[in-house]
PDB file of N, CA and C in Angstrom:
ATOM      1  N   MET A   1      53.179  -0.740  -8.280  1.00  0.00           N
ATOM      2  CA  MET A   1      52.553  -1.656  -7.357  1.00  0.00           C
ATOM      3  C   MET A   1      51.075  -1.335  -7.139  1.00  0.00           C
ATOM      4  N   ASP A   2      50.745  -0.071  -7.099  1.00  0.00           N
ATOM      5  CA  ASP A   2      49.346   0.291  -6.908  1.00  0.00           C
ATOM      6  C   ASP A   2      48.468  -0.271  -8.018  1.00  0.00           C
ATOM      7  N   ALA A   3      48.947  -0.225  -9.219  1.00  0.00           N
ATOM      8  CA  ALA A   3      48.180  -0.737 -10.360  1.00  0.00           C
ATOM      9  C   ALA A   3      47.974  -2.243 -10.221  1.00  0.00           C
ATOM     10  N   THR A   4      48.976  -2.962  -9.731  1.00  0.00           N
ATOM     11  CA  THR A   4      48.853  -4.407  -9.542  1.00  0.00           C
ATOM     12  C   THR A   4      47.826  -4.715  -8.468  1.00  0.00           C
ATOM     13  N   TYR A   5      47.867  -3.980  -7.351  1.00  0.00           N
ATOM     14  CA  TYR A   5      46.893  -4.188  -6.271  1.00  0.00           C
ATOM     15  C   TYR A   5      45.491  -3.835  -6.733  1.00  0.00           C
ATOM     16  N   ARG A   6      45.382  -2.780  -7.499  1.00  0.00           N
ATOM     17  CA  ARG A   6      44.061  -2.400  -8.011  1.00  0.00           C
ATOM     18  C   ARG A   6      43.517  -3.487  -8.937  1.00  0.00           C
ATOM     19  N   ALA A   7      44.339  -3.988  -9.791  1.00  0.00           N
ATOM     20  CA  ALA A   7      43.909  -5.041 -10.710  1.00  0.00           C
ATOM     21  C   ALA A   7      43.518  -6.288  -9.930  1.00  0.00           C
ATOM     22  N   ASP A   8      44.310  -6.662  -8.920  1.00  0.00           N
ATOM     23  CA  ASP A   8      43.971  -7.818  -8.080  1.00  0.00           C
ATOM     24  C   ASP A   8      42.665  -7.583  -7.328  1.00  0.00           C
ATOM     25  N   LEU A   9      42.502  -6.372  -6.785  1.00  0.00           N
ATOM     26  CA  LEU A   9      41.289  -6.036  -6.040  1.00  0.00           C
ATOM     27  C   LEU A   9      40.076  -6.054  -6.961  1.00  0.00           C
ATOM     28  N   ARG A  10      40.236  -5.517  -8.174  1.00  0.00           N
ATOM     29  CA  ARG A  10      39.133  -5.510  -9.140  1.00  0.00           C
ATOM     30  C   ARG A  10      38.747  -6.942  -9.499  1.00  0.00           C
ATOM     31  N   GLU A  11      39.723  -7.776  -9.742  1.00  0.00           N
ATOM     32  CA  GLU A  11      39.465  -9.178 -10.079  1.00  0.00           C
ATOM     33  C   GLU A  11      38.777  -9.901  -8.933  1.00  0.00           C
ATOM     34  N   LEU A  12      39.244  -9.644  -7.705  1.00  0.00           N
ATOM     35  CA  LEU A  12      38.638 -10.250  -6.523  1.00  0.00           C
ATOM     36  C   LEU A  12      37.197  -9.779  -6.356  1.00  0.00           C
ATOM     37  N   ASN A  13      36.959  -8.502  -6.569  1.00  0.00           N
ATOM     38  CA  ASN A  13      35.590  -7.966  -6.470  1.00  0.00           C
ATOM     39  C   ASN A  13      34.682  -8.575  -7.537  1.00  0.00           C
ATOM     40  N   GLU A  14      35.196  -8.722  -8.745  1.00  0.00           N
ATOM     41  CA  GLU A  14      34.392  -9.321  -9.811  1.00  0.00           C
ATOM     42  C   GLU A  14      34.060 -10.775  -9.503  1.00  0.00           C
ATOM     43  N   LEU A  15      35.006 -11.513  -8.955  1.00  0.00           N
ATOM     44  CA  LEU A  15      34.740 -12.903  -8.574  1.00  0.00           C
ATOM     45  C   LEU A  15      33.693 -12.978  -7.462  1.00  0.00           C
ATOM     46  N   ASN A  16      33.857 -12.109  -6.459  1.00  0.00           N
ATOM     47  CA  ASN A  16      32.889 -12.093  -5.351  1.00  0.00           C
ATOM     48  C   ASN A  16      31.500 -11.697  -5.851  1.00  0.00           C
ATOM     49  N   PHE A  17      31.458 -10.714  -6.742  1.00  0.00           N
ATOM     50  CA  PHE A  17      30.153 -10.314  -7.277  1.00  0.00           C
ATOM     51  C   PHE A  17      29.550 -11.444  -8.098  1.00  0.00           C
ATOM     52  N   GLY A  18      30.356 -12.157  -8.847  1.00  0.00           N
ATOM     53  CA  GLY A  18      29.860 -13.299  -9.622  1.00  0.00           C
ATOM     54  C   GLY A  18      29.264 -14.368  -8.723  1.00  0.00           C
ATOM     55  N   ARG A  19      29.928 -14.682  -7.629  1.00  0.00           N
ATOM     56  CA  ARG A  19      29.391 -15.661  -6.660  1.00  0.00           C
ATOM     57  C   ARG A  19      28.098 -15.158  -6.030  1.00  0.00           C
ATOM     58  N   PHE A  20      28.131 -13.872  -5.645  1.00  0.00           N
ATOM     59  CA  PHE A  20      26.942 -13.269  -5.034  1.00  0.00           C
ATOM     60  C   PHE A  20      25.765 -13.311  -6.007  1.00  0.00           C
ATOM     61  N   ASP A  21      26.024 -12.952  -7.252  1.00  0.00           N
ATOM     62  CA  ASP A  21      24.976 -12.949  -8.270  1.00  0.00           C
ATOM     63  C   ASP A  21      24.425 -14.359  -8.487  1.00  0.00           C
ATOM     64  N   ALA A  22      25.274 -15.359  -8.509  1.00  0.00           N
ATOM     65  CA  ALA A  22      24.829 -16.743  -8.689  1.00  0.00           C
ATOM     66  C   ALA A  22      23.971 -17.198  -7.508  1.00  0.00           C
ATOM     67  N   LYS A  23      24.400 -16.867  -6.294  1.00  0.00           N
ATOM     68  CA  LYS A  23      23.625 -17.250  -5.098  1.00  0.00           C
ATOM     69  C   LYS A  23      22.276 -16.542  -5.084  1.00  0.00           C
ATOM     70  N   MET A  24      22.266 -15.269  -5.449  1.00  0.00           N
ATOM     71  CA  MET A  24      20.993 -14.537  -5.469  1.00  0.00           C
ATOM     72  C   MET A  24      20.055 -15.129  -6.502  1.00  0.00           C
ATOM     73  N   GLY A  25      20.612 -15.528  -7.648  1.00  0.00           N
ATOM     74  CA  GLY A  25      19.777 -16.160  -8.679  1.00  0.00           C
ATOM     75  C   GLY A  25      19.156 -17.451  -8.178  1.00  0.00           C
ATOM     76  N   GLU A  26      19.939 -18.254  -7.468  1.00  0.00           N
ATOM     77  CA  GLU A  26      19.418 -19.505  -6.903  1.00  0.00           C
ATOM     78  C   GLU A  26      18.335 -19.221  -5.871  1.00  0.00           C
ATOM     79  N   ARG A  27      18.589 -18.269  -5.015  1.00  0.00           N
ATOM     80  CA  ARG A  27      17.617 -17.946  -3.957  1.00  0.00           C
ATOM     81  C   ARG A  27      16.329 -17.385  -4.539  1.00  0.00           C
ATOM     82  N   ILE A  28      16.461 -16.569  -5.563  1.00  0.00           N
ATOM     83  CA  ILE A  28      15.261 -16.029  -6.205  1.00  0.00           C
ATOM     84  C   ILE A  28      14.469 -17.151  -6.865  1.00  0.00           C
ATOM     85  N   ALA A  29      15.150 -18.090  -7.509  1.00  0.00           N
ATOM     86  CA  ALA A  29      14.471 -19.232  -8.137  1.00  0.00           C
ATOM     87  C   ALA A  29      13.756 -20.076  -7.078  1.00  0.00           C
ATOM     88  N   GLU A  30      14.409 -20.307  -5.940  1.00  0.00           N
ATOM     89  CA  GLU A  30      13.774 -21.071  -4.854  1.00  0.00           C
ATOM     90  C   GLU A  30      12.547 -20.340  -4.340  1.00  0.00           C
ATOM     91  N   LEU A  31      12.679 -19.043  -4.160  1.00  0.00           N
ATOM     92  CA  LEU A  31      11.565 -18.244  -3.655  1.00  0.00           C
ATOM     93  C   LEU A  31      10.394 -18.264  -4.633  1.00  0.00           C
ATOM     94  N   ARG A  32      10.690 -18.166  -5.918  1.00  0.00           N
ATOM     95  CA  ARG A  32       9.620 -18.234  -6.919  1.00  0.00           C
ATOM     96  C   ARG A  32       8.904 -19.572  -6.859  1.00  0.00           C
ATOM     97  N   GLY A  33       9.670 -20.641  -6.720  1.00  0.00           N
ATOM     98  CA  GLY A  33       9.060 -21.969  -6.622  1.00  0.00           C
ATOM     99  C   GLY A  33       8.162 -22.093  -5.403  1.00  0.00           C
ATOM    100  N   GLU A  34       8.639 -21.596  -4.266  1.00  0.00           N
ATOM    101  CA  GLU A  34       7.836 -21.643  -3.040  1.00  0.00           C
ATOM    102  C   GLU A  34       6.571 -20.806  -3.184  1.00  0.00           C
ATOM    103  N   MET A  35       6.720 -19.626  -3.782  1.00  0.00           N
ATOM    104  CA  MET A  35       5.557 -18.756  -3.948  1.00  0.00           C
ATOM    105  C   MET A  35       4.532 -19.375  -4.890  1.00  0.00           C
ATOM    106  N   LYS A  36       5.008 -20.026  -5.969  1.00  0.00           N
ATOM    107  CA  LYS A  36       4.072 -20.680  -6.890  1.00  0.00           C
ATOM    108  C   LYS A  36       3.319 -21.802  -6.196  1.00  0.00           C
ATOM    109  N   ALA A  37       4.012 -22.563  -5.361  1.00  0.00           N
ATOM    110  CA  ALA A  37       3.357 -23.656  -4.641  1.00  0.00           C
ATOM    111  C   ALA A  37       2.318 -23.106  -3.670  1.00  0.00           C
ATOM    112  N   GLU A  38       2.669 -22.047  -2.943  1.00  0.00           N
ATOM    113  CA  GLU A  38       1.735 -21.455  -1.988  1.00  0.00           C
ATOM    114  C   GLU A  38       0.543 -20.824  -2.705  1.00  0.00           C
ATOM    115  N   LEU A  39       0.789 -20.194  -3.844  1.00  0.00           N
ATOM    116  CA  LEU A  39      -0.316 -19.610  -4.607  1.00  0.00           C
ATOM    117  C   LEU A  39      -1.245 -20.685  -5.153  1.00  0.00           C
ATOM    118  N   ALA A  40      -0.687 -21.823  -5.529  1.00  0.00           N
ATOM    119  CA  ALA A  40      -1.528 -22.931  -5.997  1.00  0.00           C
ATOM    120  C   ALA A  40      -2.414 -23.451  -4.867  1.00  0.00           C
ATOM    121  N   GLN A  41      -1.838 -23.561  -3.667  1.00  0.00           N
ATOM    122  CA  GLN A  41      -2.630 -23.987  -2.512  1.00  0.00           C
ATOM    123  C   GLN A  41      -3.711 -22.971  -2.187  1.00  0.00           C
ATOM    124  N   LEU A  42      -3.361 -21.694  -2.256  1.00  0.00           N
ATOM    125  CA  LEU A  42      -4.328 -20.636  -1.987  1.00  0.00           C
ATOM    126  C   LEU A  42      -5.445 -20.649  -3.016  1.00  0.00           C
ATOM    127  N   ASP A  43      -5.101 -20.850  -4.261  1.00  0.00           N
ATOM    128  CA  ASP A  43      -6.102 -20.910  -5.322  1.00  0.00           C
ATOM    129  C   ASP A  43      -7.060 -22.075  -5.096  1.00  0.00           C
ATOM    130  N   ALA A  44      -6.522 -23.216  -4.708  1.00  0.00           N
ATOM    131  CA  ALA A  44      -7.365 -24.383  -4.440  1.00  0.00           C
ATOM    132  C   ALA A  44      -8.303 -24.114  -3.270  1.00  0.00           C
ATOM    133  N   ARG A  45      -7.780 -23.494  -2.231  1.00  0.00           N
ATOM    134  CA  ARG A  45      -8.604 -23.183  -1.050  1.00  0.00           C
ATOM    135  C   ARG A  45      -9.692 -22.169  -1.394  1.00  0.00           C
ATOM    136  N   LEU A  46      -9.345 -21.148  -2.179  1.00  0.00           N
ATOM    137  CA  LEU A  46     -10.342 -20.150  -2.571  1.00  0.00           C
ATOM    138  C   LEU A  46     -11.426 -20.762  -3.453  1.00  0.00           C
ATOM    139  N   THR A  47     -11.041 -21.675  -4.322  1.00  0.00           N
ATOM    140  CA  THR A  47     -12.032 -22.362  -5.159  1.00  0.00           C
ATOM    141  C   THR A  47     -12.976 -23.183  -4.293  1.00  0.00           C
ATOM    142  N   GLU A  48     -12.419 -23.847  -3.295  1.00  0.00           N
ATOM    143  CA  GLU A  48     -13.229 -24.643  -2.367  1.00  0.00           C
ATOM    144  C   GLU A  48     -14.187 -23.748  -1.582  1.00  0.00           C
ATOM    145  N   LEU A  49     -13.684 -22.627  -1.078  1.00  0.00           N
ATOM    146  CA  LEU A  49     -14.529 -21.712  -0.311  1.00  0.00           C
ATOM    147  C   LEU A  49     -15.620 -21.101  -1.176  1.00  0.00           C
ATOM    148  N   ARG A  50     -15.272 -20.752  -2.421  1.00  0.00           N
ATOM    149  CA  ARG A  50     -16.274 -20.177  -3.314  1.00  0.00           C
ATOM    150  C   ARG A  50     -17.394 -21.180  -3.571  1.00  0.00           C
ATOM    151  N   ALA A  51     -17.050 -22.442  -3.767  1.00  0.00           N
ATOM    152  CA  ALA A  51     -18.066 -23.473  -3.987  1.00  0.00           C
ATOM    153  C   ALA A  51     -18.947 -23.631  -2.749  1.00  0.00           C
ATOM    154  N   GLU A  52     -18.315 -23.580  -1.577  1.00  0.00           N
ATOM    155  CA  GLU A  52     -19.069 -23.708  -0.323  1.00  0.00           C
ATOM    156  C   GLU A  52     -20.027 -22.538  -0.136  1.00  0.00           C
ATOM    157  N   VAL A  53     -19.555 -21.329  -0.385  1.00  0.00           N
ATOM    158  CA  VAL A  53     -20.400 -20.141  -0.236  1.00  0.00           C
ATOM    159  C   VAL A  53     -21.542 -20.170  -1.250  1.00  0.00           C
ATOM    160  N   THR A  54     -21.238 -20.599  -2.461  1.00  0.00           N
ATOM    161  CA  THR A  54     -22.279 -20.689  -3.491  1.00  0.00           C
ATOM    162  C   THR A  54     -23.353 -21.689  -3.079  1.00  0.00           C
ATOM    163  N   MET A  55     -22.942 -22.820  -2.518  1.00  0.00           N
ATOM    164  CA  MET A  55     -23.899 -23.827  -2.075  1.00  0.00           C
ATOM    165  C   MET A  55     -24.767 -23.279  -0.932  1.00  0.00           C
ATOM    166  N   GLN A  56     -24.139 -22.605   0.022  1.00  0.00           N
ATOM    167  CA  GLN A  56     -24.898 -22.030   1.132  1.00  0.00           C
ATOM    168  C   GLN A  56     -25.886 -20.976   0.632  1.00  0.00           C
ATOM    169  N   PHE A  57     -25.438 -20.142  -0.295  1.00  0.00           N
ATOM    170  CA  PHE A  57     -26.313 -19.106  -0.839  1.00  0.00           C
ATOM    171  C   PHE A  57     -27.497 -19.730  -1.563  1.00  0.00           C
ATOM    172  N   THR A  58     -27.232 -20.773  -2.331  1.00  0.00           N
ATOM    173  CA  THR A  58     -28.308 -21.452  -3.056  1.00  0.00           C
ATOM    174  C   THR A  58     -29.309 -22.062  -2.088  1.00  0.00           C
ATOM    175  N   ASP A  59     -28.832 -22.684  -1.031  1.00  0.00           N
ATOM    176  CA  ASP A  59     -29.732 -23.263  -0.029  1.00  0.00           C
ATOM    177  C   ASP A  59     -30.590 -22.190   0.640  1.00  0.00           C
ATOM    178  N   GLN A  60     -29.970 -21.080   0.992  1.00  0.00           N
ATOM    179  CA  GLN A  60     -30.721 -19.995   1.631  1.00  0.00           C
ATOM    180  C   GLN A  60     -31.742 -19.396   0.670  1.00  0.00           C
ATOM    181  N   LEU A  61     -31.384 -19.292  -0.592  1.00  0.00           N
ATOM    182  CA  LEU A  61     -32.303 -18.754  -1.586  1.00  0.00           C
ATOM    183  C   LEU A  61     -33.495 -19.683  -1.773  1.00  0.00           C
ATOM    184  N   ARG A  62     -33.255 -20.992  -1.775  1.00  0.00           N
ATOM    185  CA  ARG A  62     -34.358 -21.956  -1.884  1.00  0.00           C
ATOM    186  C   ARG A  62     -35.277 -21.868  -0.667  1.00  0.00           C
ATOM    187  N   SER A  63     -34.680 -21.713   0.513  1.00  0.00           N
ATOM    188  CA  SER A  63     -35.475 -21.587   1.730  1.00  0.00           C
ATOM    189  C   SER A  63     -36.336 -20.333   1.684  1.00  0.00           C
ATOM    190  N   LEU A  64     -35.740 -19.241   1.243  1.00  0.00           N
ATOM    191  CA  LEU A  64     -36.479 -17.983   1.128  1.00  0.00           C
ATOM    192  C   LEU A  64     -37.610 -18.110   0.119  1.00  0.00           C
ATOM    193  N   GLU A  65     -37.341 -18.778  -0.977  1.00  0.00           N
ATOM    194  CA  GLU A  65     -38.357 -18.949  -2.006  1.00  0.00           C
ATOM    195  C   GLU A  65     -39.544 -19.756  -1.480  1.00  0.00           C
ATOM    196  N   SER A  66     -39.280 -20.819  -0.739  1.00  0.00           N
ATOM    197  CA  SER A  66     -40.387 -21.629  -0.211  1.00  0.00           C
ATOM    198  C   SER A  66     -41.196 -20.846   0.821  1.00  0.00           C
ATOM    199  N   ARG A  67     -40.509 -20.061   1.659  1.00  0.00           N
ATOM    200  CA  ARG A  67     -41.258 -19.245   2.628  1.00  0.00           C
ATOM    201  C   ARG A  67     -42.094 -18.186   1.927  1.00  0.00           C
ATOM    202  N   LEU A  68     -41.551 -17.613   0.877  1.00  0.00           N
ATOM    203  CA  LEU A  68     -42.274 -16.584   0.133  1.00  0.00           C
ATOM    204  C   LEU A  68     -43.506 -17.162  -0.547  1.00  0.00           C
ATOM    205  N   VAL A  69     -43.390 -18.353  -1.098  1.00  0.00           N
ATOM    206  CA  VAL A  69     -44.537 -19.011  -1.740  1.00  0.00           C
ATOM    207  C   VAL A  69     -45.615 -19.300  -0.704  1.00  0.00           C
ATOM    208  N   ARG A  70     -45.223 -19.747   0.476  1.00  0.00           N
ATOM    209  CA  ARG A  70     -46.228 -20.000   1.534  1.00  0.00           C
ATOM    210  C   ARG A  70     -46.963 -18.727   1.930  1.00  0.00           C
ATOM    211  N   TRP A  71     -46.237 -17.618   2.096  1.00  0.00           N
ATOM    212  CA  TRP A  71     -46.865 -16.360   2.457  1.00  0.00           C
ATOM    213  C   TRP A  71     -47.789 -15.864   1.337  1.00  0.00           C
ATOM    214  N   MET A  72     -47.348 -16.025   0.100  1.00  0.00           N
ATOM    215  CA  MET A  72     -48.202 -15.609  -1.020  1.00  0.00           C
ATOM    216  C   MET A  72     -49.484 -16.436  -1.063  1.00  0.00           C
ATOM    217  N   LEU A  73     -49.338 -17.738  -0.840  1.00  0.00           N
ATOM    218  CA  LEU A  73     -50.511 -18.608  -0.835  1.00  0.00           C
ATOM    219  C   LEU A  73     -51.474 -18.205   0.279  1.00  0.00           C
ATOM    220  N   ALA A  74     -50.923 -17.952   1.453  1.00  0.00           N
ATOM    221  CA  ALA A  74     -51.776 -17.541   2.578  1.00  0.00           C
ATOM    222  C   ALA A  74     -52.461 -16.216   2.266  1.00  0.00           C
ATOM    223  N   PHE A  75     -51.757 -15.277   1.656  1.00  0.00           N
ATOM    224  CA  PHE A  75     -52.347 -13.982   1.314  1.00  0.00           C
ATOM    225  C   PHE A  75     -53.476 -14.147   0.307  1.00  0.00           C
ATOM    226  N   TRP A  76     -53.224 -14.917  -0.765  1.00  0.00           N
ATOM    227  CA  TRP A  76     -54.235 -15.044  -1.802  1.00  0.00           C
ATOM    228  C   TRP A  76     -55.443 -15.868  -1.331  1.00  0.00           C
ATOM    229  N   VAL A  77     -55.216 -16.868  -0.503  1.00  0.00           N
ATOM    230  CA  VAL A  77     -56.342 -17.649   0.023  1.00  0.00           C
ATOM    231  C   VAL A  77     -57.216 -16.763   0.904  1.00  0.00           C
ATOM    232  N   SER A  78     -56.575 -15.973   1.786  1.00  0.00           N
ATOM    233  CA  SER A  78     -57.375 -15.094   2.654  1.00  0.00           C
ATOM    234  C   SER A  78     -58.078 -14.023   1.832  1.00  0.00           C
ATOM    235  N   THR A  79     -57.466 -13.537   0.782  1.00  0.00           N
ATOM    236  CA  THR A  79     -58.106 -12.542  -0.080  1.00  0.00           C
ATOM    237  C   THR A  79     -59.300 -13.155  -0.806  1.00  0.00           C
ATOM    238  N   LEU A  80     -59.117 -14.379  -1.324  1.00  0.00           N
ATOM    239  CA  LEU A  80     -60.224 -15.038  -2.009  1.00  0.00           C
ATOM    240  C   LEU A  80     -61.377 -15.351  -1.061  1.00  0.00           C
ATOM    241  N   ILE A  81     -61.071 -15.716   0.174  1.00  0.00           N
ATOM    242  CA  ILE A  81     -62.137 -15.971   1.166  1.00  0.00           C
ATOM    243  C   ILE A  81     -62.898 -14.685   1.436  1.00  0.00           C
ATOM    244  N   GLY A  82     -62.180 -13.593   1.589  1.00  0.00           N
ATOM    245  CA  GLY A  82     -62.842 -12.299   1.825  1.00  0.00           C
ATOM    246  C   GLY A  82     -63.690 -11.869   0.646  1.00  0.00           C
ATOM    247  N   LEU A  83     -63.178 -12.021  -0.563  1.00  0.00           N
ATOM    248  CA  LEU A  83     -63.965 -11.662  -1.747  1.00  0.00           C
ATOM    249  C   LEU A  83     -65.158 -12.571  -1.926  1.00  0.00           C
ATOM    250  N   GLY A  84     -64.973 -13.868  -1.621  1.00  0.00           N
ATOM    251  CA  GLY A  84     -66.092 -14.803  -1.707  1.00  0.00           C
ATOM    252  C   GLY A  84     -67.187 -14.428  -0.704  1.00  0.00           C
ATOM    253  N   GLY A  85     -66.792 -14.005   0.487  1.00  0.00           N
ATOM    254  CA  GLY A  85     -67.764 -13.600   1.491  1.00  0.00           C
ATOM    255  C   GLY A  85     -68.530 -12.371   1.016  1.00  0.00           C
ATOM    256  N   LEU A  86     -67.842 -11.421   0.417  1.00  0.00           N
ATOM    257  CA  LEU A  86     -68.523 -10.220  -0.103  1.00  0.00           C
ATOM    258  C   LEU A  86     -69.437 -10.582  -1.275  1.00  0.00           C
ATOM    259  N   PHE A  87     -69.009 -11.503  -2.114  1.00  0.00           N
ATOM    260  CA  PHE A  87     -69.779 -11.872  -3.293  1.00  0.00           C
ATOM    261  C   PHE A  87     -71.068 -12.600  -2.906  1.00  0.00           C
ATOM    262  N   PHE A  88     -71.006 -13.516  -1.919  1.00  0.00           N
ATOM    263  CA  PHE A  88     -72.160 -14.306  -1.548  1.00  0.00           C
ATOM    264  C   PHE A  88     -73.008 -13.639  -0.496  1.00  0.00           C
ATOM    265  N   ARG A  89     -72.628 -12.506  -0.030  1.00  0.00           N
ATOM    266  CA  ARG A  89     -73.394 -11.782   0.998  1.00  0.00           C
ATOM    267  C   ARG A  89     -74.682 -11.229   0.442  1.00  0.00           C
ATOM    268  N   HIS A  90     -74.711 -10.841  -0.806  1.00  0.00           N
ATOM    269  CA  HIS A  90     -75.908 -10.226  -1.379  1.00  0.00           C
ATOM    270  C   HIS A  90     -76.767 -11.210  -2.051  1.00  0.00           C
TER     271      HIS A  90
END
């Protein structure tokens, strides 16, 4: 009788493990699908943010460049005025 119960118990355990394994496979597949969808959304958002940051950086760089050109112009004009004054003084 013990051998019969063991065989029945083994068969029952194998069936339960088979069901468990099938359910875990389904759940893992669902989780992978959800993760892929969320990663796609994250990728889209990061691409959008990168474009926004790049645009802001470009705008700030253009602003800096225009201010730098103005300062350079002011420096060179004042230098030329000073040199012209020294040149025409004698």
